[in-house]
Amino acid sequence: MVTLEQAKLNTQDDIQIGVIDEFRKSSFILDNIAFDDAVTPGTNGATLTYGYTRLITQPTAAFREINAEYTAQEVTKQRYTTELKPFGGSFQIDRIIANTGGLVDELSLQVQQKVKAAKSLFHDTVINGDSAVDTKSFDGLNKAITGSSTEYNTGSYIDLSSSSAVDSNYKLFLDSIDEFLSNLDGKPSFLGGNSKLITKIKSVARRAGYLTQSEDAFGRKVDAYDGIVLVDLGERSGSNLPVVSIVDTRKPNGTDIVTGLTDLYAANLSLDGFHAVSLAGQDLVKIWLPDFTTSGAVKTGEVEMVAAVALKATKSAGVFRNIKVA
């Protein structure tokens, strides 16, 4: 197992360290998720496949009478695989910029923006990824959770769309979110949604006295609901559309359309819960800088990760559906 923080300690390249820090600073999930660096691609057409077993049900225990046997019960599990996929991007810089003294600033800008885009793509795929729709991506939480026991509130909605709606419904929301969290196997590492929803949850938490704050590794304030970090998953790469959509076409009761509905995701970041997967013996983040010592007017740089995610237990992640924020 390795994290980005640990990966930073294993590299001596200052630029590589800076890129890793950019990934960490831009994403709570990337900064805290564990990477199981276990996949070896091999040769002769071997794939980047990670196989694992997902626990579907929980174990039971019971009393028994003397001279009587226990009723046998086994946890239900299912075999899954996920494919590691490369993601990132490239940028180009003209050698004129390098020769006029603007190279350092331009390189820094382009690398930071490429890290920002890669982070957004990772967040989007962690939630919405579906390899059946896009073969270049890995599967995300929405696909794994839909139809499971931790998909909550599919047949109704809670209105938090205005200040007055929050005043009227925040106690109902508190009861509902506690019920939602009780379906999970322990306290999750984060609650993630779009900026509108995270703002609404902060408003609810302030009214109830559940809004807590801490500092991350970079000295920034981190808001939390009763100790569970609130994560704004941001926008999709190259877009202003939120990673977690606000939907205007849902019918929670099966008949009537309710606009402005969105979802709240939760996950426990651990190797036996929800974690990432990476290549064995290779850097988590790689960067190729433009080489201005060779001929050619325009030089290319690249930033790349090779990863996927795995949900080891259904109860390690969940989604609270149909929260009205608009």
C-alpha atoms as a PDB file:
ATOM      1  CA  MET A   1       0.000   0.000   0.000  1.00  0.00           C
ATOM      2  CA  VAL A   2       1.214   3.508  -0.786  1.00  0.00           C
ATOM      3  CA  THR A   3      -0.260   7.008  -0.571  1.00  0.00           C
ATOM      4  CA  LEU A   4       0.757  10.145  -2.451  1.00  0.00           C
ATOM      5  CA  GLU A   5       2.364  11.428   0.738  1.00  0.00           C
ATOM      6  CA  GLN A   6       4.521   8.299   0.930  1.00  0.00           C
ATOM      7  CA  ALA A   7       5.233   8.445  -2.806  1.00  0.00           C
ATOM      8  CA  LYS A   8       6.598  11.949  -2.299  1.00  0.00           C
ATOM      9  CA  LEU A   9       9.147  10.594   0.201  1.00  0.00           C
ATOM     10  CA  ASN A  10      10.343   8.012  -2.310  1.00  0.00           C
ATOM     11  CA  THR A  11      11.334  10.489  -5.023  1.00  0.00           C
ATOM     12  CA  GLN A  12      14.369  12.780  -5.163  1.00  0.00           C
ATOM     13  CA  ASP A  13      13.180  14.885  -8.089  1.00  0.00           C
ATOM     14  CA  ASP A  14      12.060  18.359  -6.922  1.00  0.00           C
ATOM     15  CA  ILE A  15       9.708  18.785  -9.879  1.00  0.00           C
ATOM     16  CA  GLN A  16       8.157  15.364  -9.270  1.00  0.00           C
ATOM     17  CA  ILE A  17       7.696  16.280  -5.601  1.00  0.00           C
ATOM     18  CA  GLY A  18       5.994  19.524  -6.637  1.00  0.00           C
ATOM     19  CA  VAL A  19       3.601  17.692  -8.956  1.00  0.00           C
ATOM     20  CA  ILE A  20       2.695  15.189  -6.216  1.00  0.00           C
ATOM     21  CA  ASP A  21       2.011  18.086  -3.834  1.00  0.00           C
ATOM     22  CA  GLU A  22      -0.231  19.715  -6.454  1.00  0.00           C
ATOM     23  CA  PHE A  23      -2.298  16.520  -6.645  1.00  0.00           C
ATOM     24  CA  ARG A  24      -2.469  16.320  -2.863  1.00  0.00           C
ATOM     25  CA  LYS A  25      -3.423  19.972  -2.358  1.00  0.00           C
ATOM     26  CA  SER A  26      -6.110  19.864  -5.035  1.00  0.00           C
ATOM     27  CA  SER A  27      -7.965  16.796  -3.753  1.00  0.00           C
ATOM     28  CA  PHE A  28      -8.819  15.413  -0.312  1.00  0.00           C
ATOM     29  CA  ILE A  29      -9.514  12.049  -1.923  1.00  0.00           C
ATOM     30  CA  LEU A  30      -6.179  11.821  -3.752  1.00  0.00           C
ATOM     31  CA  ASP A  31      -4.362  12.971  -0.615  1.00  0.00           C
ATOM     32  CA  ASN A  32      -5.999  10.329   1.589  1.00  0.00           C
ATOM     33  CA  ILE A  33      -6.819   7.348  -0.591  1.00  0.00           C
ATOM     34  CA  ALA A  34      -4.554   4.305  -0.375  1.00  0.00           C
ATOM     35  CA  PHE A  35      -3.127   2.834  -3.573  1.00  0.00           C
ATOM     36  CA  ASP A  36      -2.678  -0.930  -3.645  1.00  0.00           C
ATOM     37  CA  ASP A  37       0.452  -0.998  -5.818  1.00  0.00           C
ATOM     38  CA  ALA A  38      -0.038  -4.615  -6.826  1.00  0.00           C
ATOM     39  CA  VAL A  39      -0.572  -4.764 -10.582  1.00  0.00           C
ATOM     40  CA  THR A  40       2.273  -5.991 -12.777  1.00  0.00           C
ATOM     41  CA  PRO A  41       1.518  -5.682 -16.489  1.00  0.00           C
ATOM     42  CA  GLY A  42       4.013  -8.317 -17.569  1.00  0.00           C
ATOM     43  CA  THR A  43       4.649  -9.018 -21.241  1.00  0.00           C
ATOM     44  CA  ASN A  44       3.080 -10.706 -24.267  1.00  0.00           C
ATOM     45  CA  GLY A  45      -0.134  -8.694 -24.178  1.00  0.00           C
ATOM     46  CA  ALA A  46      -0.856  -8.977 -20.448  1.00  0.00           C
ATOM     47  CA  THR A  47      -3.565  -6.549 -19.254  1.00  0.00           C
ATOM     48  CA  LEU A  48      -3.586  -4.114 -16.340  1.00  0.00           C
ATOM     49  CA  THR A  49      -6.191  -6.135 -14.450  1.00  0.00           C
ATOM     50  CA  TYR A  50      -6.742  -6.060 -10.685  1.00  0.00           C
ATOM     51  CA  GLY A  51      -8.958  -8.817  -9.312  1.00  0.00           C
ATOM     52  CA  TYR A  52     -10.617  -8.711  -5.907  1.00  0.00           C
ATOM     53  CA  THR A  53     -13.511 -10.107  -3.887  1.00  0.00           C
ATOM     54  CA  ARG A  54     -16.313  -7.780  -2.777  1.00  0.00           C
ATOM     55  CA  LEU A  55     -18.268  -8.645   0.372  1.00  0.00           C
ATOM     56  CA  ILE A  56     -21.964  -8.277  -0.389  1.00  0.00           C
ATOM     57  CA  THR A  57     -23.556  -9.273   2.947  1.00  0.00           C
ATOM     58  CA  GLN A  58     -22.506  -9.162   6.598  1.00  0.00           C
ATOM     59  CA  PRO A  59     -21.708 -12.103   8.907  1.00  0.00           C
ATOM     60  CA  THR A  60     -24.201 -13.138  11.596  1.00  0.00           C
ATOM     61  CA  ALA A  61     -23.821 -14.583  15.097  1.00  0.00           C
ATOM     62  CA  ALA A  62     -26.358 -16.206  17.417  1.00  0.00           C
ATOM     63  CA  PHE A  63     -26.796 -18.117  20.660  1.00  0.00           C
ATOM     64  CA  ARG A  64     -27.320 -21.881  20.610  1.00  0.00           C
ATOM     65  CA  GLU A  65     -28.810 -24.426  22.995  1.00  0.00           C
ATOM     66  CA  ILE A  66     -26.688 -27.100  24.641  1.00  0.00           C
ATOM     67  CA  ASN A  67     -26.351 -30.161  22.373  1.00  0.00           C
ATOM     68  CA  ALA A  68     -27.565 -28.142  19.394  1.00  0.00           C
ATOM     69  CA  GLU A  69     -25.577 -26.823  16.450  1.00  0.00           C
ATOM     70  CA  TYR A  70     -25.359 -23.297  15.152  1.00  0.00           C
ATOM     71  CA  THR A  71     -27.280 -22.525  12.004  1.00  0.00           C
ATOM     72  CA  ALA A  72     -24.619 -22.166   9.346  1.00  0.00           C
ATOM     73  CA  GLN A  73     -24.318 -18.781   7.623  1.00  0.00           C
ATOM     74  CA  GLU A  74     -21.681 -17.527   5.245  1.00  0.00           C
ATOM     75  CA  VAL A  75     -21.076 -14.012   3.997  1.00  0.00           C
ATOM     76  CA  THR A  76     -21.975 -13.481   0.385  1.00  0.00           C
ATOM     77  CA  LYS A  77     -19.119 -12.368  -1.814  1.00  0.00           C
ATOM     78  CA  GLN A  78     -18.638 -11.746  -5.486  1.00  0.00           C
ATOM     79  CA  ARG A  79     -15.566 -11.664  -7.694  1.00  0.00           C
ATOM     80  CA  TYR A  80     -14.790  -8.404  -9.466  1.00  0.00           C
ATOM     81  CA  THR A  81     -12.011  -7.063 -11.654  1.00  0.00           C
ATOM     82  CA  THR A  82     -11.025  -3.527 -12.543  1.00  0.00           C
ATOM     83  CA  GLU A  83      -8.692  -2.349 -15.260  1.00  0.00           C
ATOM     84  CA  LEU A  84      -6.024   0.230 -14.510  1.00  0.00           C
ATOM     85  CA  LYS A  85      -6.232   3.119 -16.970  1.00  0.00           C
ATOM     86  CA  PRO A  86      -3.750   5.885 -17.801  1.00  0.00           C
ATOM     87  CA  PHE A  87      -5.002   9.460 -17.474  1.00  0.00           C
ATOM     88  CA  GLY A  88      -3.466  12.903 -17.543  1.00  0.00           C
ATOM     89  CA  GLY A  89      -2.539  15.162 -20.410  1.00  0.00           C
ATOM     90  CA  SER A  90       0.137  16.934 -22.394  1.00  0.00           C
ATOM     91  CA  PHE A  91       1.065  20.561 -23.068  1.00  0.00           C
ATOM     92  CA  GLN A  92       3.356  22.295 -25.537  1.00  0.00           C
ATOM     93  CA  ILE A  93       5.729  25.240 -25.128  1.00  0.00           C
ATOM     94  CA  ASP A  94       7.500  27.144 -27.892  1.00  0.00           C
ATOM     95  CA  ARG A  95      11.274  27.443 -27.509  1.00  0.00           C
ATOM     96  CA  ILE A  96      10.968  31.225 -27.889  1.00  0.00           C
ATOM     97  CA  ILE A  97       9.362  31.311 -24.433  1.00  0.00           C
ATOM     98  CA  ALA A  98      12.279  29.315 -23.054  1.00  0.00           C
ATOM     99  CA  ASN A  99      14.805  31.675 -24.632  1.00  0.00           C
ATOM    100  CA  THR A 100      13.149  34.842 -23.320  1.00  0.00           C
ATOM    101  CA  GLY A 101      13.271  33.873 -19.657  1.00  0.00           C
ATOM    102  CA  GLY A 102       9.630  32.906 -19.189  1.00  0.00           C
ATOM    103  CA  LEU A 103      10.145  29.148 -19.103  1.00  0.00           C
ATOM    104  CA  VAL A 104       9.925  28.553 -15.354  1.00  0.00           C
ATOM    105  CA  ASP A 105       6.656  30.446 -14.910  1.00  0.00           C
ATOM    106  CA  GLU A 106       5.154  28.931 -18.044  1.00  0.00           C
ATOM    107  CA  LEU A 107       6.158  25.394 -17.047  1.00  0.00           C
ATOM    108  CA  SER A 108       4.733  25.904 -13.564  1.00  0.00           C
ATOM    109  CA  LEU A 109       1.466  27.227 -14.969  1.00  0.00           C
ATOM    110  CA  GLN A 110       1.038  24.426 -17.492  1.00  0.00           C
ATOM    111  CA  VAL A 111       1.894  21.682 -14.986  1.00  0.00           C
ATOM    112  CA  GLN A 112      -0.488  23.110 -12.360  1.00  0.00           C
ATOM    113  CA  GLN A 113      -3.324  23.365 -14.854  1.00  0.00           C
ATOM    114  CA  LYS A 114      -2.704  19.837 -16.137  1.00  0.00           C
ATOM    115  CA  VAL A 115      -2.754  18.507 -12.563  1.00  0.00           C
ATOM    116  CA  LYS A 116      -6.021  20.400 -11.988  1.00  0.00           C
ATOM    117  CA  ALA A 117      -7.560  18.776 -15.068  1.00  0.00           C
ATOM    118  CA  ALA A 118      -6.301  15.299 -14.104  1.00  0.00           C
ATOM    119  CA  LYS A 119      -7.718  15.724 -10.586  1.00  0.00           C
ATOM    120  CA  SER A 120     -11.089  16.714 -12.022  1.00  0.00           C
ATOM    121  CA  LEU A 121     -11.060  13.703 -14.345  1.00  0.00           C
ATOM    122  CA  PHE A 122     -10.188  11.407 -11.420  1.00  0.00           C
ATOM    123  CA  HIS A 123     -13.054  12.786  -9.282  1.00  0.00           C
ATOM    124  CA  ASP A 124     -15.466  12.438 -12.194  1.00  0.00           C
ATOM    125  CA  THR A 125     -14.440   8.834 -12.840  1.00  0.00           C
ATOM    126  CA  VAL A 126     -14.424   7.880  -9.154  1.00  0.00           C
ATOM    127  CA  ILE A 127     -18.114   8.839  -9.103  1.00  0.00           C
ATOM    128  CA  ASN A 128     -19.415   8.383 -12.646  1.00  0.00           C
ATOM    129  CA  GLY A 129     -16.912   6.053 -14.327  1.00  0.00           C
ATOM    130  CA  ASP A 130     -18.417   3.243 -16.403  1.00  0.00           C
ATOM    131  CA  SER A 131     -16.086   1.185 -18.572  1.00  0.00           C
ATOM    132  CA  ALA A 132     -19.097  -0.128 -20.504  1.00  0.00           C
ATOM    133  CA  VAL A 133     -19.776   3.435 -21.692  1.00  0.00           C
ATOM    134  CA  ASP A 134     -16.155   4.601 -22.028  1.00  0.00           C
ATOM    135  CA  THR A 135     -13.679   1.753 -22.427  1.00  0.00           C
ATOM    136  CA  LYS A 136     -10.777   4.105 -21.639  1.00  0.00           C
ATOM    137  CA  SER A 137     -12.066   4.746 -18.080  1.00  0.00           C
ATOM    138  CA  PHE A 138     -12.466   2.614 -14.951  1.00  0.00           C
ATOM    139  CA  ASP A 139     -15.700   1.933 -13.044  1.00  0.00           C
ATOM    140  CA  GLY A 140     -16.767   4.339 -10.298  1.00  0.00           C
ATOM    141  CA  LEU A 141     -18.915   4.398  -7.177  1.00  0.00           C
ATOM    142  CA  ASN A 142     -22.236   5.156  -8.835  1.00  0.00           C
ATOM    143  CA  LYS A 143     -22.045   1.960 -10.856  1.00  0.00           C
ATOM    144  CA  ALA A 144     -20.956  -0.094  -7.838  1.00  0.00           C
ATOM    145  CA  ILE A 145     -23.610   1.257  -5.446  1.00  0.00           C
ATOM    146  CA  THR A 146     -26.709   1.493  -7.653  1.00  0.00           C
ATOM    147  CA  GLY A 147     -29.201  -1.166  -6.557  1.00  0.00           C
ATOM    148  CA  SER A 148     -27.243  -2.086  -3.419  1.00  0.00           C
ATOM    149  CA  SER A 149     -28.307  -1.888   0.232  1.00  0.00           C
ATOM    150  CA  THR A 150     -26.384   1.392   0.671  1.00  0.00           C
ATOM    151  CA  GLU A 151     -28.316   3.294  -1.997  1.00  0.00           C
ATOM    152  CA  TYR A 152     -30.585   5.432   0.178  1.00  0.00           C
ATOM    153  CA  ASN A 153     -33.719   7.561  -0.366  1.00  0.00           C
ATOM    154  CA  THR A 154     -34.490   6.496  -3.930  1.00  0.00           C
ATOM    155  CA  GLY A 155     -38.271   6.873  -3.503  1.00  0.00           C
ATOM    156  CA  SER A 156     -38.518  10.336  -1.927  1.00  0.00           C
ATOM    157  CA  TYR A 157     -36.695  13.669  -1.699  1.00  0.00           C
ATOM    158  CA  ILE A 158     -35.694  16.261   0.874  1.00  0.00           C
ATOM    159  CA  ASP A 159     -35.928  19.962   0.029  1.00  0.00           C
ATOM    160  CA  LEU A 160     -32.911  22.101   0.980  1.00  0.00           C
ATOM    161  CA  SER A 161     -33.248  24.448  -1.993  1.00  0.00           C
ATOM    162  CA  SER A 162     -33.673  27.689  -0.013  1.00  0.00           C
ATOM    163  CA  SER A 163     -32.905  29.125   3.406  1.00  0.00           C
ATOM    164  CA  SER A 164     -36.530  28.710   4.464  1.00  0.00           C
ATOM    165  CA  ALA A 165     -36.530  25.118   3.188  1.00  0.00           C
ATOM    166  CA  VAL A 166     -33.389  24.418   5.211  1.00  0.00           C
ATOM    167  CA  ASP A 167     -35.070  25.939   8.306  1.00  0.00           C
ATOM    168  CA  SER A 168     -38.112  23.723   7.775  1.00  0.00           C
ATOM    169  CA  ASN A 169     -36.334  20.493   6.849  1.00  0.00           C
ATOM    170  CA  TYR A 170     -32.913  20.463   8.499  1.00  0.00           C
ATOM    171  CA  LYS A 171     -34.039  18.216  11.365  1.00  0.00           C
ATOM    172  CA  LEU A 172     -35.537  15.754   8.898  1.00  0.00           C
ATOM    173  CA  PHE A 173     -32.285  15.865   6.930  1.00  0.00           C
ATOM    174  CA  LEU A 174     -30.229  15.250  10.085  1.00  0.00           C
ATOM    175  CA  ASP A 175     -32.343  12.214  10.951  1.00  0.00           C
ATOM    176  CA  SER A 176     -32.107  10.982   7.364  1.00  0.00           C
ATOM    177  CA  ILE A 177     -28.355  11.403   7.063  1.00  0.00           C
ATOM    178  CA  ASP A 178     -27.848   9.581  10.358  1.00  0.00           C
ATOM    179  CA  GLU A 179     -30.007   6.735   9.043  1.00  0.00           C
ATOM    180  CA  PHE A 180     -28.045   6.759   5.790  1.00  0.00           C
ATOM    181  CA  LEU A 181     -24.724   6.605   7.643  1.00  0.00           C
ATOM    182  CA  SER A 182     -26.005   3.794   9.863  1.00  0.00           C
ATOM    183  CA  ASN A 183     -26.257   1.620   6.734  1.00  0.00           C
ATOM    184  CA  LEU A 184     -22.498   1.850   6.273  1.00  0.00           C
ATOM    185  CA  ASP A 185     -19.869  -0.265   7.965  1.00  0.00           C
ATOM    186  CA  GLY A 186     -18.435   2.376  10.289  1.00  0.00           C
ATOM    187  CA  LYS A 187     -17.930   6.131   9.915  1.00  0.00           C
ATOM    188  CA  PRO A 188     -16.958   7.088   6.343  1.00  0.00           C
ATOM    189  CA  SER A 189     -13.836   9.094   5.535  1.00  0.00           C
ATOM    190  CA  PHE A 190     -15.733  11.754   3.614  1.00  0.00           C
ATOM    191  CA  LEU A 191     -19.072  12.991   2.333  1.00  0.00           C
ATOM    192  CA  GLY A 192     -18.786  14.170  -1.269  1.00  0.00           C
ATOM    193  CA  GLY A 193     -21.078  16.140  -3.544  1.00  0.00           C
ATOM    194  CA  ASN A 194     -21.301  19.264  -5.668  1.00  0.00           C
ATOM    195  CA  SER A 195     -20.663  22.749  -4.283  1.00  0.00           C
ATOM    196  CA  LYS A 196     -24.369  23.570  -3.871  1.00  0.00           C
ATOM    197  CA  LEU A 197     -25.015  20.465  -1.783  1.00  0.00           C
ATOM    198  CA  ILE A 198     -21.892  20.854   0.350  1.00  0.00           C
ATOM    199  CA  THR A 199     -22.929  24.452   1.091  1.00  0.00           C
ATOM    200  CA  LYS A 200     -26.403  23.249   2.109  1.00  0.00           C
ATOM    201  CA  ILE A 201     -24.949  20.582   4.408  1.00  0.00           C
ATOM    202  CA  LYS A 202     -22.754  23.223   6.063  1.00  0.00           C
ATOM    203  CA  SER A 203     -25.884  25.313   6.665  1.00  0.00           C
ATOM    204  CA  VAL A 204     -27.650  22.328   8.209  1.00  0.00           C
ATOM    205  CA  ALA A 205     -24.608  21.459  10.321  1.00  0.00           C
ATOM    206  CA  ARG A 206     -24.310  25.050  11.608  1.00  0.00           C
ATOM    207  CA  ARG A 207     -27.955  25.085  12.687  1.00  0.00           C
ATOM    208  CA  ALA A 208     -27.450  21.824  14.579  1.00  0.00           C
ATOM    209  CA  GLY A 209     -23.978  22.584  15.946  1.00  0.00           C
ATOM    210  CA  TYR A 210     -22.453  19.700  13.969  1.00  0.00           C
ATOM    211  CA  LEU A 211     -20.102  21.748  11.771  1.00  0.00           C
ATOM    212  CA  THR A 212     -16.529  21.024  12.796  1.00  0.00           C
ATOM    213  CA  GLN A 213     -13.212  22.223  11.401  1.00  0.00           C
ATOM    214  CA  SER A 214      -9.656  20.925  11.283  1.00  0.00           C
ATOM    215  CA  GLU A 215      -6.422  21.614   9.399  1.00  0.00           C
ATOM    216  CA  ASP A 216      -5.039  19.528   6.558  1.00  0.00           C
ATOM    217  CA  ALA A 217      -1.363  18.783   5.901  1.00  0.00           C
ATOM    218  CA  PHE A 218      -1.028  22.124   4.083  1.00  0.00           C
ATOM    219  CA  GLY A 219      -2.490  24.242   6.881  1.00  0.00           C
ATOM    220  CA  ARG A 220      -5.862  24.831   5.243  1.00  0.00           C
ATOM    221  CA  LYS A 221      -9.212  24.682   7.026  1.00  0.00           C
ATOM    222  CA  VAL A 222     -11.254  21.537   6.369  1.00  0.00           C
ATOM    223  CA  ASP A 223     -14.991  21.587   7.105  1.00  0.00           C
ATOM    224  CA  ALA A 224     -16.647  18.447   8.423  1.00  0.00           C
ATOM    225  CA  TYR A 225     -20.094  17.194   9.394  1.00  0.00           C
ATOM    226  CA  ASP A 226     -19.799  15.674  12.864  1.00  0.00           C
ATOM    227  CA  GLY A 227     -16.153  14.847  12.122  1.00  0.00           C
ATOM    228  CA  ILE A 228     -16.753  13.507   8.587  1.00  0.00           C
ATOM    229  CA  VAL A 229     -14.906  15.634   6.025  1.00  0.00           C
ATOM    230  CA  LEU A 230     -17.115  17.461   3.512  1.00  0.00           C
ATOM    231  CA  VAL A 231     -15.627  17.245   0.007  1.00  0.00           C
ATOM    232  CA  ASP A 232     -16.685  19.455  -2.884  1.00  0.00           C
ATOM    233  CA  LEU A 233     -15.972  17.172  -5.843  1.00  0.00           C
ATOM    234  CA  GLY A 234     -15.795  20.144  -8.166  1.00  0.00           C
ATOM    235  CA  GLU A 235     -16.394  20.327 -11.889  1.00  0.00           C
ATOM    236  CA  ARG A 236     -15.711  17.885 -14.667  1.00  0.00           C
ATOM    237  CA  SER A 237     -12.465  18.254 -16.601  1.00  0.00           C
ATOM    238  CA  GLY A 238     -12.665  21.055 -19.154  1.00  0.00           C
ATOM    239  CA  SER A 239     -16.200  21.971 -18.098  1.00  0.00           C
ATOM    240  CA  ASN A 240     -18.243  23.994 -15.616  1.00  0.00           C
ATOM    241  CA  LEU A 241     -20.619  21.056 -15.078  1.00  0.00           C
ATOM    242  CA  PRO A 242     -20.396  19.547 -11.576  1.00  0.00           C
ATOM    243  CA  VAL A 243     -19.034  16.026 -11.119  1.00  0.00           C
ATOM    244  CA  VAL A 244     -22.201  15.175  -9.200  1.00  0.00           C
ATOM    245  CA  SER A 245     -24.988  16.434 -11.427  1.00  0.00           C
ATOM    246  CA  ILE A 246     -28.063  18.433 -10.470  1.00  0.00           C
ATOM    247  CA  VAL A 247     -30.897  16.618 -12.261  1.00  0.00           C
ATOM    248  CA  ASP A 248     -34.216  18.087 -13.404  1.00  0.00           C
ATOM    249  CA  THR A 249     -35.914  14.912 -14.694  1.00  0.00           C
ATOM    250  CA  ARG A 250     -36.232  12.552 -11.740  1.00  0.00           C
ATOM    251  CA  LYS A 251     -39.524  11.164 -10.428  1.00  0.00           C
ATOM    252  CA  PRO A 252     -38.806  10.016  -6.843  1.00  0.00           C
ATOM    253  CA  ASN A 253     -42.405   8.875  -6.332  1.00  0.00           C
ATOM    254  CA  GLY A 254     -42.553   7.337  -9.793  1.00  0.00           C
ATOM    255  CA  THR A 255     -44.991   9.914 -11.164  1.00  0.00           C
ATOM    256  CA  ASP A 256     -44.141  13.568 -10.493  1.00  0.00           C
ATOM    257  CA  ILE A 257     -41.008  15.267 -11.804  1.00  0.00           C
ATOM    258  CA  VAL A 258     -38.962  17.064  -9.130  1.00  0.00           C
ATOM    259  CA  THR A 259     -36.274  19.437 -10.394  1.00  0.00           C
ATOM    260  CA  GLY A 260     -32.941  20.342  -8.829  1.00  0.00           C
ATOM    261  CA  LEU A 261     -32.150  16.944  -7.282  1.00  0.00           C
ATOM    262  CA  THR A 262     -28.637  15.776  -6.530  1.00  0.00           C
ATOM    263  CA  ASP A 263     -26.830  13.036  -4.564  1.00  0.00           C
ATOM    264  CA  LEU A 264     -24.406  12.740  -1.645  1.00  0.00           C
ATOM    265  CA  TYR A 265     -21.677  10.083  -1.710  1.00  0.00           C
ATOM    266  CA  ALA A 266     -19.837   8.559   1.244  1.00  0.00           C
ATOM    267  CA  ALA A 267     -16.937   6.125   1.373  1.00  0.00           C
ATOM    268  CA  ASN A 268     -14.493   4.624   3.828  1.00  0.00           C
ATOM    269  CA  LEU A 269     -10.972   5.029   2.413  1.00  0.00           C
ATOM    270  CA  SER A 270      -9.135   1.849   3.395  1.00  0.00           C
ATOM    271  CA  LEU A 271      -7.647  -1.265   1.803  1.00  0.00           C
ATOM    272  CA  ASP A 272     -10.591  -3.370   2.988  1.00  0.00           C
ATOM    273  CA  GLY A 273     -13.091  -0.674   1.982  1.00  0.00           C
ATOM    274  CA  PHE A 274     -12.706   1.753  -0.919  1.00  0.00           C
ATOM    275  CA  HIS A 275      -9.209   2.269  -2.304  1.00  0.00           C
ATOM    276  CA  ALA A 276      -7.214   2.960  -5.443  1.00  0.00           C
ATOM    277  CA  VAL A 277      -5.016   0.579  -7.418  1.00  0.00           C
ATOM    278  CA  SER A 278      -1.702   1.310  -9.110  1.00  0.00           C
ATOM    279  CA  LEU A 279       1.223  -0.384 -10.836  1.00  0.00           C
ATOM    280  CA  ALA A 280       3.724  -2.306  -8.733  1.00  0.00           C
ATOM    281  CA  GLY A 281       7.154  -0.743  -8.384  1.00  0.00           C
ATOM    282  CA  GLN A 282       6.342   2.388 -10.395  1.00  0.00           C
ATOM    283  CA  ASP A 283       5.823   6.039  -9.493  1.00  0.00           C
ATOM    284  CA  LEU A 284       2.207   7.003  -8.792  1.00  0.00           C
ATOM    285  CA  VAL A 285       2.640  10.244 -10.723  1.00  0.00           C
ATOM    286  CA  LYS A 286       4.933  10.712 -13.712  1.00  0.00           C
ATOM    287  CA  ILE A 287       5.968  13.900 -15.485  1.00  0.00           C
ATOM    288  CA  TRP A 288       7.882  14.406 -18.702  1.00  0.00           C
ATOM    289  CA  LEU A 289       9.268  17.928 -19.132  1.00  0.00           C
ATOM    290  CA  PRO A 290       9.919  19.581 -22.514  1.00  0.00           C
ATOM    291  CA  ASP A 291      13.464  19.022 -23.797  1.00  0.00           C
ATOM    292  CA  PHE A 292      14.773  22.254 -25.309  1.00  0.00           C
ATOM    293  CA  THR A 293      18.253  20.840 -26.012  1.00  0.00           C
ATOM    294  CA  THR A 294      17.130  19.177 -29.232  1.00  0.00           C
ATOM    295  CA  SER A 295      15.865  20.608 -32.514  1.00  0.00           C
ATOM    296  CA  GLY A 296      12.204  21.483 -33.028  1.00  0.00           C
ATOM    297  CA  ALA A 297      10.383  24.701 -32.279  1.00  0.00           C
ATOM    298  CA  VAL A 298       7.611  23.343 -30.053  1.00  0.00           C
ATOM    299  CA  LYS A 299       8.293  20.927 -27.205  1.00  0.00           C
ATOM    300  CA  THR A 300       5.833  18.687 -25.365  1.00  0.00           C
ATOM    301  CA  GLY A 301       5.460  17.963 -21.646  1.00  0.00           C
ATOM    302  CA  GLU A 302       3.165  15.406 -20.036  1.00  0.00           C
ATOM    303  CA  VAL A 303       1.645  14.532 -16.656  1.00  0.00           C
ATOM    304  CA  GLU A 304       0.195  11.054 -16.127  1.00  0.00           C
ATOM    305  CA  MET A 305      -1.149   8.608 -13.579  1.00  0.00           C
ATOM    306  CA  VAL A 306      -2.120   4.966 -14.105  1.00  0.00           C
ATOM    307  CA  ALA A 307      -4.822   3.920 -11.657  1.00  0.00           C
ATOM    308  CA  ALA A 308      -8.273   2.547 -10.941  1.00  0.00           C
ATOM    309  CA  VAL A 309     -10.465   2.174  -7.842  1.00  0.00           C
ATOM    310  CA  ALA A 310     -11.876  -0.863  -6.056  1.00  0.00           C
ATOM    311  CA  LEU A 311     -14.770  -1.239  -3.603  1.00  0.00           C
ATOM    312  CA  LYS A 312     -13.947  -4.250  -1.403  1.00  0.00           C
ATOM    313  CA  ALA A 313     -17.169  -4.178   0.635  1.00  0.00           C
ATOM    314  CA  THR A 314     -20.571  -2.871  -0.416  1.00  0.00           C
ATOM    315  CA  LYS A 315     -21.134  -1.294   3.018  1.00  0.00           C
ATOM    316  CA  SER A 316     -17.906   0.704   2.738  1.00  0.00           C
ATOM    317  CA  ALA A 317     -19.600   3.203   0.405  1.00  0.00           C
ATOM    318  CA  GLY A 318     -23.080   4.577  -0.113  1.00  0.00           C
ATOM    319  CA  VAL A 319     -25.131   7.269  -1.817  1.00  0.00           C
ATOM    320  CA  PHE A 320     -27.929   9.462  -0.440  1.00  0.00           C
ATOM    321  CA  ARG A 321     -30.196  10.183  -3.434  1.00  0.00           C
ATOM    322  CA  ASN A 322     -32.610  13.002  -4.208  1.00  0.00           C
ATOM    323  CA  ILE A 323     -31.583  16.021  -2.167  1.00  0.00           C
ATOM    324  CA  LYS A 324     -33.177  19.120  -3.681  1.00  0.00           C
ATOM    325  CA  VAL A 325     -30.673  21.988  -3.880  1.00  0.00           C
ATOM    326  CA  ALA A 326     -32.181  24.145  -6.664  1.00  0.00           C
END
